Amino acid sequence: MIVMKFGGTSVENAKAIERAAAIVKGRLEQQPVVVVSAMAKVTDQLLAMARAAGSGDRKTALKLCRALQERHYNTAGELLGTALFTEFHSDLAADFENLEELLRGISAVGELTPRTTDYVAAFGEMLSSKIVTAAFAALGLASALVDSRDCIITDSTHMRAAPLFEETNGCLQARVAPLLAAGKVPVMGGFIGSSKAGITTTIGRGGSDYSAAIIGAGLDAGRIEIWTDVDGMMTTDPNLCADARRIKVISFDEAAELAYFGAKVLHPATVLPAVQKNIPVYVLNSRNPGCEGTRISARAPRCRNSFKAIAVKKRITIVDVAAPRMQLAHGFLRGIFETFDRHAVAVDVVSTSEVSVSLTVDSTESIPALAADLAKLADVKYEGRKAIVCLVGENLRETPGIAARVFGELADVKIRMISQGASEINLTFVIEEDVVPEVVRRLHKAFFSDLDAEVFA
């Protein structure tokens, strides 16, 4: 069997859902399980109405809710036709009545908790999976709706819950495997699950990719397909460099590095369950299903290019922590990282010397408070509007002089930090954000002009 995950743009309207149905029909012999995201932009809208309700603005929250209701009604009506939509209408209406009641409750209390946020955010996948299931049936597919909250069992960490794999695998085998055996196409919402107590949870933004991999691992899938709106993973962002090319095949390790450092096609956690079960992941384009996309596997063929891709992560802040008075002081580094942990600020790149540490973090409103706390330990400076550039490739391990080639191409560019990752497959550095396009174009020209045809399209 296979898992086919359709992202928000692949189920954003009636036309997109019809395309998805046609793609699934072409894979019926492979026993597909379909995982869907919320329709494009819906999760953002749900979170916006939740925040409005939490601030006491019930009018705005309900206005946003009714606009969302109209969009889902219109999409379902277009897909199902009058007779079928009349039957389906009451089910959708009940969901939106529940959402409105929830928003009124949040507004009355004047507080938005992580648990309530999860419950509101979950409506996107709940609604899209119901509409897609009904649409598939209307288009001749033997579909069956499966509530992901009955299968994806997590801990109780709301807004970023961790799956409990043993419990989840048991539920998947009990609820989904029999449907496959009966020739059905199970349809599930990504991103959502529930705690052991049955409380709705979510596994973080972008978690529908992760859901697909969890489901694929739990059902021992032959492969996991991530259907999106691009032809696959690219050598770099085409918006930065028009010469970007599609990567045909890439390793799990390389894909994970690229995902973490800004390649938005794939959620960073997606590959983890697939790695454990050695399940290949394919990134495919629902608008161009004839394209072979990108295959991500445990081992990729040897490539004669030094790198597979260049990723960029913008909106980065450098935090410099210097303590000349504390040379070799025991616990200095521990104190720094404990401070970052208290403020829940993740670190991307670290550079250290005997008495100073430089770190990069995503630019957030929490940085001034973080800096004030760090100032109790040492002298602190921070600068925003930086970007991380990451060159990824397994050949990096075995290629002497590669750093000299990279920085030789950028001899006139101000480099703020350099890190050759512990993974041994990435070379990372930090630059000013405004020079990113020029830097990426120069590096792409230097390292991707002559491409290995077995690896690149």
Protein backbone atom coordinates (compact mmCIF):
# COMPACT_ATOMS: atom_id res chain seq x y z
CA MET A 1 0.00 0.00 0.00
CA ILE A 2 0.99 3.65 -0.36
CA VAL A 3 0.24 6.89 1.46
CA MET A 4 -0.70 9.93 -0.65
CA LYS A 5 -0.66 13.25 1.16
CA PHE A 6 -2.28 16.25 -0.56
CA GLY A 7 -1.26 19.66 0.74
CA GLY A 8 -3.43 22.73 1.11
CA THR A 9 -2.96 23.97 -2.45
CA SER A 10 -3.78 20.47 -3.75
CA VAL A 11 -7.23 20.57 -2.08
CA GLU A 12 -7.79 24.35 -2.12
CA ASN A 13 -10.95 24.29 -4.25
CA ALA A 14 -13.25 22.00 -6.25
CA LYS A 15 -10.94 21.87 -9.27
CA ALA A 16 -7.94 20.92 -7.13
CA ILE A 17 -9.91 18.17 -5.36
CA GLU A 18 -11.06 16.77 -8.71
CA ARG A 19 -7.41 16.67 -9.81
CA ALA A 20 -6.52 14.83 -6.61
CA ALA A 21 -9.30 12.30 -7.24
CA ALA A 22 -7.98 11.62 -10.74
CA ILE A 23 -4.48 11.05 -9.36
CA VAL A 24 -5.80 8.64 -6.70
CA LYS A 25 -7.83 6.73 -9.33
CA GLY A 26 -4.59 6.09 -11.20
CA ARG A 27 -3.10 4.38 -8.12
CA LEU A 28 -5.99 2.23 -6.90
CA GLU A 29 -4.08 -1.00 -7.51
CA GLN A 30 -1.49 0.19 -4.99
CA GLN A 31 -4.06 0.50 -2.16
CA PRO A 32 -3.73 4.21 -1.36
CA VAL A 33 -4.42 5.86 1.98
CA VAL A 34 -5.11 9.56 1.38
CA VAL A 35 -4.05 12.21 3.89
CA VAL A 36 -5.22 15.79 3.34
CA SER A 37 -4.27 19.17 4.75
CA ALA A 38 -6.79 21.91 5.41
CA MET A 39 -7.71 23.89 2.28
CA ALA A 40 -5.07 26.53 1.48
CA LYS A 41 -4.89 29.37 4.06
CA VAL A 42 -7.65 27.85 6.22
CA THR A 43 -5.42 27.12 9.23
CA ASP A 44 -4.22 30.73 9.22
CA GLN A 45 -7.84 31.91 9.17
CA LEU A 46 -8.82 29.57 12.00
CA LEU A 47 -5.96 30.80 14.16
CA ALA A 48 -6.87 34.42 13.34
CA MET A 49 -10.47 33.90 14.50
CA ALA A 50 -9.23 32.12 17.63
CA ARG A 51 -6.97 35.05 18.49
CA ALA A 52 -9.80 37.53 17.85
CA ALA A 53 -12.09 35.56 20.15
CA GLY A 54 -9.36 35.33 22.78
CA SER A 55 -9.00 39.12 22.77
CA GLY A 56 -12.76 39.50 23.24
CA ASP A 57 -13.52 40.50 19.65
CA ARG A 58 -16.37 38.08 19.11
CA LYS A 59 -17.76 40.01 16.13
CA THR A 60 -14.56 39.64 14.09
CA ALA A 61 -14.17 35.98 15.08
CA LEU A 62 -17.69 35.10 13.94
CA LYS A 63 -17.33 37.12 10.73
CA LEU A 64 -14.19 35.14 9.82
CA CYS A 65 -15.95 31.90 10.72
CA ARG A 66 -18.91 32.64 8.45
CA ALA A 67 -16.62 33.53 5.54
CA LEU A 68 -14.89 30.19 6.02
CA GLN A 69 -18.24 28.43 6.18
CA GLU A 70 -19.29 29.96 2.87
CA ARG A 71 -16.04 28.85 1.21
CA HIS A 72 -16.49 25.25 2.35
CA TYR A 73 -20.17 25.24 1.38
CA ASN A 74 -19.35 26.57 -2.10
CA THR A 75 -16.58 24.01 -2.64
CA ALA A 76 -18.74 21.11 -1.46
CA GLY A 77 -21.70 22.30 -3.52
CA GLU A 78 -19.60 22.55 -6.66
CA LEU A 79 -18.20 19.04 -6.15
CA LEU A 80 -21.36 17.23 -5.09
CA GLY A 81 -24.20 18.88 -6.98
CA THR A 82 -27.53 19.84 -5.48
CA ALA A 83 -28.88 16.41 -4.46
CA LEU A 84 -25.72 15.10 -2.78
CA PHE A 85 -24.92 18.46 -1.19
CA THR A 86 -28.37 18.56 0.39
CA GLU A 87 -27.53 15.31 2.19
CA PHE A 88 -24.03 16.51 3.13
CA HIS A 89 -25.05 20.04 4.15
CA SER A 90 -26.30 19.16 7.64
CA ASP A 91 -22.98 17.52 8.55
CA LEU A 92 -21.00 20.63 7.56
CA ALA A 93 -23.54 22.89 9.27
CA ALA A 94 -23.13 20.98 12.53
CA ASP A 95 -19.35 21.41 12.38
CA PHE A 96 -19.63 25.16 11.89
CA GLU A 97 -22.21 25.45 14.66
CA ASN A 98 -19.70 23.75 16.96
CA LEU A 99 -16.95 26.12 15.81
CA GLU A 100 -19.13 29.19 16.37
CA GLU A 101 -20.11 27.95 19.83
CA LEU A 102 -16.43 27.40 20.65
CA LEU A 103 -15.51 30.92 19.49
CA ARG A 104 -18.31 32.43 21.59
CA GLY A 105 -17.01 30.52 24.60
CA ILE A 106 -13.42 31.69 24.04
CA SER A 107 -14.68 35.28 23.69
CA ALA A 108 -16.76 35.06 26.87
CA VAL A 109 -13.81 33.75 28.89
CA GLY A 110 -11.38 36.16 27.21
CA GLU A 111 -8.57 33.62 27.14
CA LEU A 112 -7.13 31.40 24.40
CA THR A 113 -5.33 28.37 25.80
CA PRO A 114 -3.07 25.98 23.85
CA ARG A 115 -5.68 23.24 24.29
CA THR A 116 -8.43 25.45 22.82
CA THR A 117 -6.10 26.61 20.03
CA ASP A 118 -5.60 22.99 19.00
CA TYR A 119 -9.33 22.38 18.95
CA VAL A 120 -9.97 25.38 16.71
CA ALA A 121 -7.03 24.63 14.40
CA ALA A 122 -8.18 21.02 13.97
CA PHE A 123 -11.35 22.11 12.16
CA GLY A 124 -9.42 22.74 8.92
CA GLU A 125 -8.35 19.13 8.45
CA MET A 126 -11.63 17.78 9.80
CA LEU A 127 -13.59 19.78 7.22
CA SER A 128 -11.30 19.11 4.26
CA SER A 129 -11.18 15.35 4.94
CA LYS A 130 -15.01 15.20 5.05
CA ILE A 131 -15.37 17.17 1.80
CA VAL A 132 -12.66 15.15 0.01
CA THR A 133 -14.22 11.85 1.14
CA ALA A 134 -17.65 12.90 -0.14
CA ALA A 135 -16.18 14.24 -3.38
CA PHE A 136 -14.21 11.05 -4.02
CA ALA A 137 -17.40 9.00 -3.55
CA ALA A 138 -19.29 11.28 -5.95
CA LEU A 139 -16.48 10.83 -8.49
CA GLY A 140 -16.64 7.05 -8.30
CA LEU A 141 -14.02 6.21 -5.69
CA ALA A 142 -14.92 3.84 -2.83
CA SER A 143 -13.74 6.27 -0.15
CA ALA A 144 -14.06 5.96 3.62
CA LEU A 145 -13.58 8.80 6.12
CA VAL A 146 -11.26 8.00 9.04
CA ASP A 147 -11.03 10.54 11.87
CA SER A 148 -7.29 10.94 12.47
CA ARG A 149 -8.00 11.63 16.14
CA ASP A 150 -8.96 7.97 16.44
CA CYS A 151 -5.59 6.86 15.03
CA ILE A 152 -2.82 9.39 15.72
CA ILE A 153 -2.33 9.11 19.47
CA THR A 154 -0.06 11.73 21.02
CA ASP A 155 1.15 13.10 24.32
CA SER A 156 -0.65 16.09 25.82
CA THR A 157 1.73 18.82 24.64
CA HIS A 158 -0.77 21.03 22.88
CA MET A 159 0.20 22.81 19.61
CA ARG A 160 3.26 20.58 19.16
CA ALA A 161 2.23 17.14 20.40
CA ALA A 162 4.56 14.18 19.95
CA PRO A 163 3.08 10.97 18.55
CA LEU A 164 3.02 7.83 20.69
CA PHE A 165 4.06 5.37 18.03
CA GLU A 166 3.14 2.09 19.69
CA GLU A 167 -0.43 3.22 20.41
CA THR A 168 -0.73 4.91 17.02
CA ASN A 169 0.45 1.86 15.10
CA GLY A 170 -2.07 -0.32 16.91
CA CYS A 171 -4.93 2.06 16.08
CA LEU A 172 -3.88 2.29 12.42
CA GLN A 173 -3.81 -1.48 12.08
CA ALA A 174 -7.21 -1.77 13.77
CA ARG A 175 -9.03 1.03 11.93
CA VAL A 176 -7.31 1.59 8.58
CA ALA A 177 -5.93 -1.80 7.54
CA PRO A 178 -9.42 -3.44 7.37
CA LEU A 179 -10.66 -0.68 5.05
CA LEU A 180 -7.74 -1.33 2.70
CA ALA A 181 -8.48 -5.05 2.79
CA ALA A 182 -12.08 -4.25 1.81
CA GLY A 183 -10.95 -2.25 -1.23
CA LYS A 184 -11.73 1.14 0.26
CA VAL A 185 -9.69 4.36 -0.02
CA PRO A 186 -9.31 5.68 3.55
CA VAL A 187 -9.23 9.50 3.74
CA MET A 188 -7.67 11.11 6.81
CA GLY A 189 -6.86 14.65 7.93
CA GLY A 190 -3.21 15.42 8.57
CA PHE A 191 -1.84 17.55 11.42
CA ILE A 192 -4.37 16.38 14.03
CA GLY A 193 -4.46 13.66 16.65
CA SER A 194 -5.63 13.14 20.19
CA SER A 195 -4.15 12.41 23.58
CA LYS A 196 -4.78 9.14 25.41
CA ALA A 197 -7.62 10.96 27.17
CA GLY A 198 -9.24 11.70 23.80
CA ILE A 199 -8.43 15.43 23.82
CA THR A 200 -7.75 16.92 20.36
CA THR A 201 -4.09 17.76 19.72
CA THR A 202 -2.03 18.99 16.78
CA ILE A 203 1.52 18.02 15.85
CA GLY A 204 2.64 21.50 14.77
CA ARG A 205 2.34 23.65 11.66
CA GLY A 206 3.29 21.72 8.55
CA GLY A 207 2.44 18.55 10.44
CA SER A 208 0.35 17.00 7.67
CA ASP A 209 3.59 15.81 6.07
CA TYR A 210 4.56 14.28 9.40
CA SER A 211 1.12 12.65 9.69
CA ALA A 212 1.60 11.02 6.30
CA ALA A 213 4.95 9.58 7.37
CA ILE A 214 3.54 8.37 10.71
CA ILE A 215 0.68 6.64 8.90
CA GLY A 216 3.02 5.20 6.27
CA ALA A 217 5.36 3.80 8.91
CA GLY A 218 2.48 2.40 10.96
CA LEU A 219 1.01 0.58 7.97
CA ASP A 220 4.39 -0.47 6.44
CA ALA A 221 3.74 1.49 3.25
CA GLY A 222 5.73 0.83 0.10
CA ARG A 223 6.17 4.57 -0.36
CA ILE A 224 4.90 7.95 0.83
CA GLU A 225 3.87 10.56 -1.72
CA ILE A 226 3.77 14.25 -0.80
CA TRP A 227 1.60 16.03 -3.38
CA THR A 228 2.17 19.77 -3.51
CA ASP A 229 2.19 22.57 -6.11
CA VAL A 230 5.82 22.30 -7.29
CA ASP A 231 7.60 19.66 -9.38
CA GLY A 232 9.77 18.46 -6.48
CA MET A 233 12.79 19.61 -4.53
CA MET A 234 14.95 22.10 -6.42
CA THR A 235 18.63 22.93 -6.43
CA THR A 236 17.62 26.27 -4.89
CA ASP A 237 14.61 28.55 -4.58
CA PRO A 238 13.49 29.41 -8.15
CA ASN A 239 12.38 32.81 -6.86
CA LEU A 240 16.01 33.57 -6.04
CA CYS A 241 17.61 31.90 -9.05
CA ALA A 242 15.81 31.30 -12.34
CA ASP A 243 18.33 28.56 -13.22
CA ALA A 244 17.18 26.28 -10.37
CA ARG A 245 16.73 22.67 -11.49
CA ARG A 246 14.71 19.76 -10.14
CA ILE A 247 16.51 17.13 -8.06
CA LYS A 248 15.48 13.65 -9.19
CA VAL A 249 16.81 11.75 -6.21
CA ILE A 250 18.22 12.78 -2.84
CA SER A 251 19.07 11.02 0.42
CA PHE A 252 17.01 11.27 3.62
CA ASP A 253 19.92 13.02 5.36
CA GLU A 254 20.30 15.64 2.64
CA ALA A 255 16.54 16.27 2.47
CA ALA A 256 16.34 16.72 6.24
CA GLU A 257 19.17 19.27 6.21
CA LEU A 258 17.53 21.21 3.39
CA ALA A 259 14.14 21.14 5.08
CA TYR A 260 15.55 22.46 8.33
CA PHE A 261 17.42 25.26 6.63
CA GLY A 262 14.54 26.66 4.65
CA ALA A 263 13.49 24.31 1.83
CA LYS A 264 9.72 24.70 2.33
CA VAL A 265 8.59 21.81 0.12
CA LEU A 266 9.08 19.29 2.91
CA HIS A 267 8.45 19.53 6.65
CA PRO A 268 11.69 18.70 8.53
CA ALA A 269 10.13 15.97 10.69
CA THR A 270 8.54 14.20 7.71
CA VAL A 271 11.47 11.96 6.96
CA LEU A 272 11.94 10.61 10.48
CA PRO A 273 9.36 7.78 10.56
CA ALA A 274 10.20 7.00 6.93
CA VAL A 275 13.92 6.71 7.75
CA GLN A 276 13.19 4.25 10.53
CA LYS A 277 11.21 1.99 8.17
CA ASN A 278 13.33 2.74 5.08
CA ILE A 279 10.25 3.93 3.18
CA PRO A 280 10.99 6.15 0.15
CA VAL A 281 9.27 9.55 0.06
CA TYR A 282 8.28 11.19 -3.23
CA VAL A 283 7.62 14.92 -3.62
CA LEU A 284 5.17 15.38 -6.52
CA ASN A 285 3.13 18.13 -8.20
CA SER A 286 -0.66 17.69 -8.23
CA ARG A 287 -0.86 20.31 -11.01
CA ASN A 288 1.64 18.38 -13.11
CA PRO A 289 1.17 14.71 -12.15
CA GLY A 290 3.15 13.50 -15.18
CA CYS A 291 6.38 14.87 -13.64
CA GLU A 292 8.38 12.23 -11.78
CA GLY A 293 9.15 14.66 -8.93
CA THR A 294 11.85 14.00 -6.36
CA ARG A 295 12.53 10.65 -4.71
CA ILE A 296 13.94 10.73 -1.19
CA SER A 297 15.50 7.46 -0.09
CA ALA A 298 17.93 6.07 2.46
CA ARG A 299 20.71 5.95 -0.11
CA ALA A 300 20.98 8.15 -3.17
CA PRO A 301 23.22 7.40 -6.16
CA ARG A 302 26.65 8.92 -6.11
CA CYS A 303 26.62 12.39 -7.65
CA ARG A 304 29.50 14.03 -9.46
CA ASN A 305 28.33 17.49 -8.32
CA SER A 306 29.74 18.69 -5.01
CA PHE A 307 26.34 19.73 -3.69
CA LYS A 308 22.70 18.71 -4.15
CA ALA A 309 21.12 22.06 -3.28
CA ILE A 310 21.42 25.50 -1.72
CA ALA A 311 18.89 26.41 0.98
CA VAL A 312 18.32 29.84 2.50
CA LYS A 313 16.72 30.80 5.80
CA LYS A 314 15.92 34.49 6.11
CA ARG A 315 14.79 36.68 9.03
CA ILE A 316 17.68 35.54 11.19
CA THR A 317 19.17 37.37 14.18
CA ILE A 318 22.76 36.89 15.39
CA VAL A 319 23.16 36.94 19.18
CA ASP A 320 26.74 37.56 20.39
CA VAL A 321 27.49 36.62 23.99
CA ALA A 322 30.96 37.66 25.22
CA ALA A 323 32.33 37.22 28.75
CA PRO A 324 36.03 38.14 28.97
CA ARG A 325 35.76 38.22 32.77
CA MET A 326 34.79 34.53 32.84
CA GLN A 327 37.57 32.84 30.91
CA LEU A 328 37.22 29.09 31.26
CA ALA A 329 34.44 29.56 33.83
CA HIS A 330 32.70 26.26 34.47
CA GLY A 331 29.07 26.21 33.38
CA PHE A 332 29.23 29.29 31.12
CA LEU A 333 27.92 27.50 28.03
CA ARG A 334 25.33 25.62 30.05
CA GLY A 335 24.02 28.91 31.45
CA ILE A 336 23.67 30.34 27.95
CA PHE A 337 21.73 27.41 26.56
CA GLU A 338 19.55 27.13 29.64
CA THR A 339 18.57 30.76 29.03
CA PHE A 340 17.61 30.00 25.43
CA ASP A 341 15.59 27.03 26.71
CA ARG A 342 13.69 29.15 29.25
CA HIS A 343 12.66 31.54 26.48
CA ALA A 344 11.79 28.64 24.11
CA VAL A 345 14.09 30.09 21.42
CA ALA A 346 15.64 27.54 19.05
CA VAL A 347 19.24 27.97 17.86
CA ASP A 348 20.30 27.23 14.27
CA VAL A 349 24.05 27.93 14.05
CA VAL A 350 26.62 28.21 16.86
CA SER A 351 30.19 29.47 16.79
CA THR A 352 32.29 29.47 19.97
CA SER A 353 35.64 30.63 21.28
CA GLU A 354 37.13 30.49 24.77
CA VAL A 355 35.22 33.53 25.98
CA SER A 356 32.44 34.21 23.48
CA VAL A 357 29.59 32.51 21.71
CA SER A 358 27.71 33.60 18.58
CA LEU A 359 24.34 32.03 17.83
CA THR A 360 21.66 32.52 15.21
CA VAL A 361 17.95 32.42 15.95
CA ASP A 362 14.76 33.17 14.06
CA SER A 363 13.90 36.85 14.46
CA THR A 364 11.09 37.04 17.01
CA GLU A 365 9.63 39.48 19.49
CA SER A 366 11.13 37.40 22.32
CA ILE A 367 14.74 38.36 21.50
CA PRO A 368 14.91 41.57 23.66
CA ALA A 369 13.74 39.61 26.72
CA LEU A 370 16.20 36.82 25.89
CA ALA A 371 19.06 39.34 25.56
CA ALA A 372 18.16 40.96 28.87
CA ASP A 373 18.32 37.57 30.57
CA LEU A 374 21.63 36.68 28.88
CA ALA A 375 23.06 40.02 30.02
CA LYS A 376 23.08 38.63 33.56
CA LEU A 377 25.77 36.19 32.38
CA ALA A 378 27.82 38.25 29.94
CA ASP A 379 27.92 41.16 27.49
CA VAL A 380 25.25 40.71 24.82
CA LYS A 381 24.69 42.20 21.36
CA TYR A 382 22.18 41.18 18.73
CA GLU A 383 21.70 42.09 15.07
CA GLY A 384 18.78 41.24 12.82
CA ARG A 385 18.21 41.13 9.05
CA LYS A 386 20.65 38.27 8.52
CA ALA A 387 20.25 35.08 6.51
CA ILE A 388 21.64 31.55 6.70
CA VAL A 389 22.89 30.01 3.47
CA CYS A 390 23.32 26.24 3.58
CA LEU A 391 24.96 24.12 0.87
CA VAL A 392 24.06 20.45 1.23
CA GLY A 393 25.58 17.36 -0.31
CA GLU A 394 26.96 14.01 0.78
CA ASN A 395 30.08 14.58 -1.36
CA LEU A 396 31.10 17.30 1.09
CA ARG A 397 32.56 14.59 3.35
CA GLU A 398 35.07 13.49 0.74
CA THR A 399 35.90 16.69 -1.16
CA PRO A 400 39.03 18.50 0.05
CA GLY A 401 39.19 22.24 -0.57
CA ILE A 402 35.43 22.64 -1.03
CA ALA A 403 35.19 25.44 1.55
CA ALA A 404 37.96 27.34 -0.26
CA ARG A 405 36.00 27.08 -3.53
CA VAL A 406 32.79 28.30 -1.91
CA PHE A 407 34.30 31.28 -0.17
CA GLY A 408 36.55 32.04 -3.12
CA GLU A 409 33.36 32.70 -5.10
CA LEU A 410 32.29 35.10 -2.34
CA ALA A 411 35.58 36.86 -1.70
CA ASP A 412 33.88 40.27 -1.71
CA VAL A 413 30.94 39.26 0.50
CA LYS A 414 30.88 39.92 4.24
CA ILE A 415 30.56 36.53 5.95
CA ARG A 416 29.41 36.75 9.57
CA MET A 417 29.55 33.13 10.76
CA ILE A 418 30.71 29.82 9.27
CA SER A 419 29.79 26.28 10.31
CA GLN A 420 30.56 22.97 8.67
CA GLY A 421 27.85 20.89 10.30
CA ALA A 422 28.32 17.91 12.53
CA SER A 423 26.30 15.96 9.97
CA GLU A 424 29.27 16.39 7.61
CA ILE A 425 26.92 17.07 4.71
CA ASN A 426 26.29 20.79 5.04
CA LEU A 427 28.40 23.92 4.80
CA THR A 428 26.58 26.83 6.43
CA PHE A 429 27.33 30.51 6.70
CA VAL A 430 25.56 33.71 7.69
CA ILE A 431 25.35 36.86 5.54
CA GLU A 432 23.38 40.08 5.34
CA GLU A 433 19.85 39.39 4.15
CA ASP A 434 19.93 41.94 1.33
CA VAL A 435 22.76 40.15 -0.54
CA VAL A 436 21.05 36.72 -0.56
CA PRO A 437 19.85 36.77 -4.22
CA GLU A 438 23.28 37.69 -5.57
CA VAL A 439 25.08 35.15 -3.37
CA VAL A 440 22.71 32.32 -4.32
CA ARG A 441 22.98 33.09 -8.05
CA ARG A 442 26.78 33.14 -7.91
CA LEU A 443 27.02 29.88 -5.99
CA HIS A 444 24.46 28.19 -8.21
CA LYS A 445 26.36 29.19 -11.33
CA ALA A 446 29.61 27.94 -9.82
CA PHE A 447 28.37 24.55 -8.61
CA PHE A 448 25.33 23.68 -10.75
CA SER A 449 26.27 24.69 -14.28
CA ASP A 450 27.30 21.15 -15.27
CA LEU A 451 24.76 18.74 -13.76
CA ASP A 452 24.85 15.00 -13.21
CA ALA A 453 21.96 13.79 -15.40
CA GLU A 454 21.26 10.81 -13.15
CA VAL A 455 20.55 13.09 -10.17
CA PHE A 456 19.22 16.34 -11.69
CA ALA A 457 16.52 17.03 -14.32
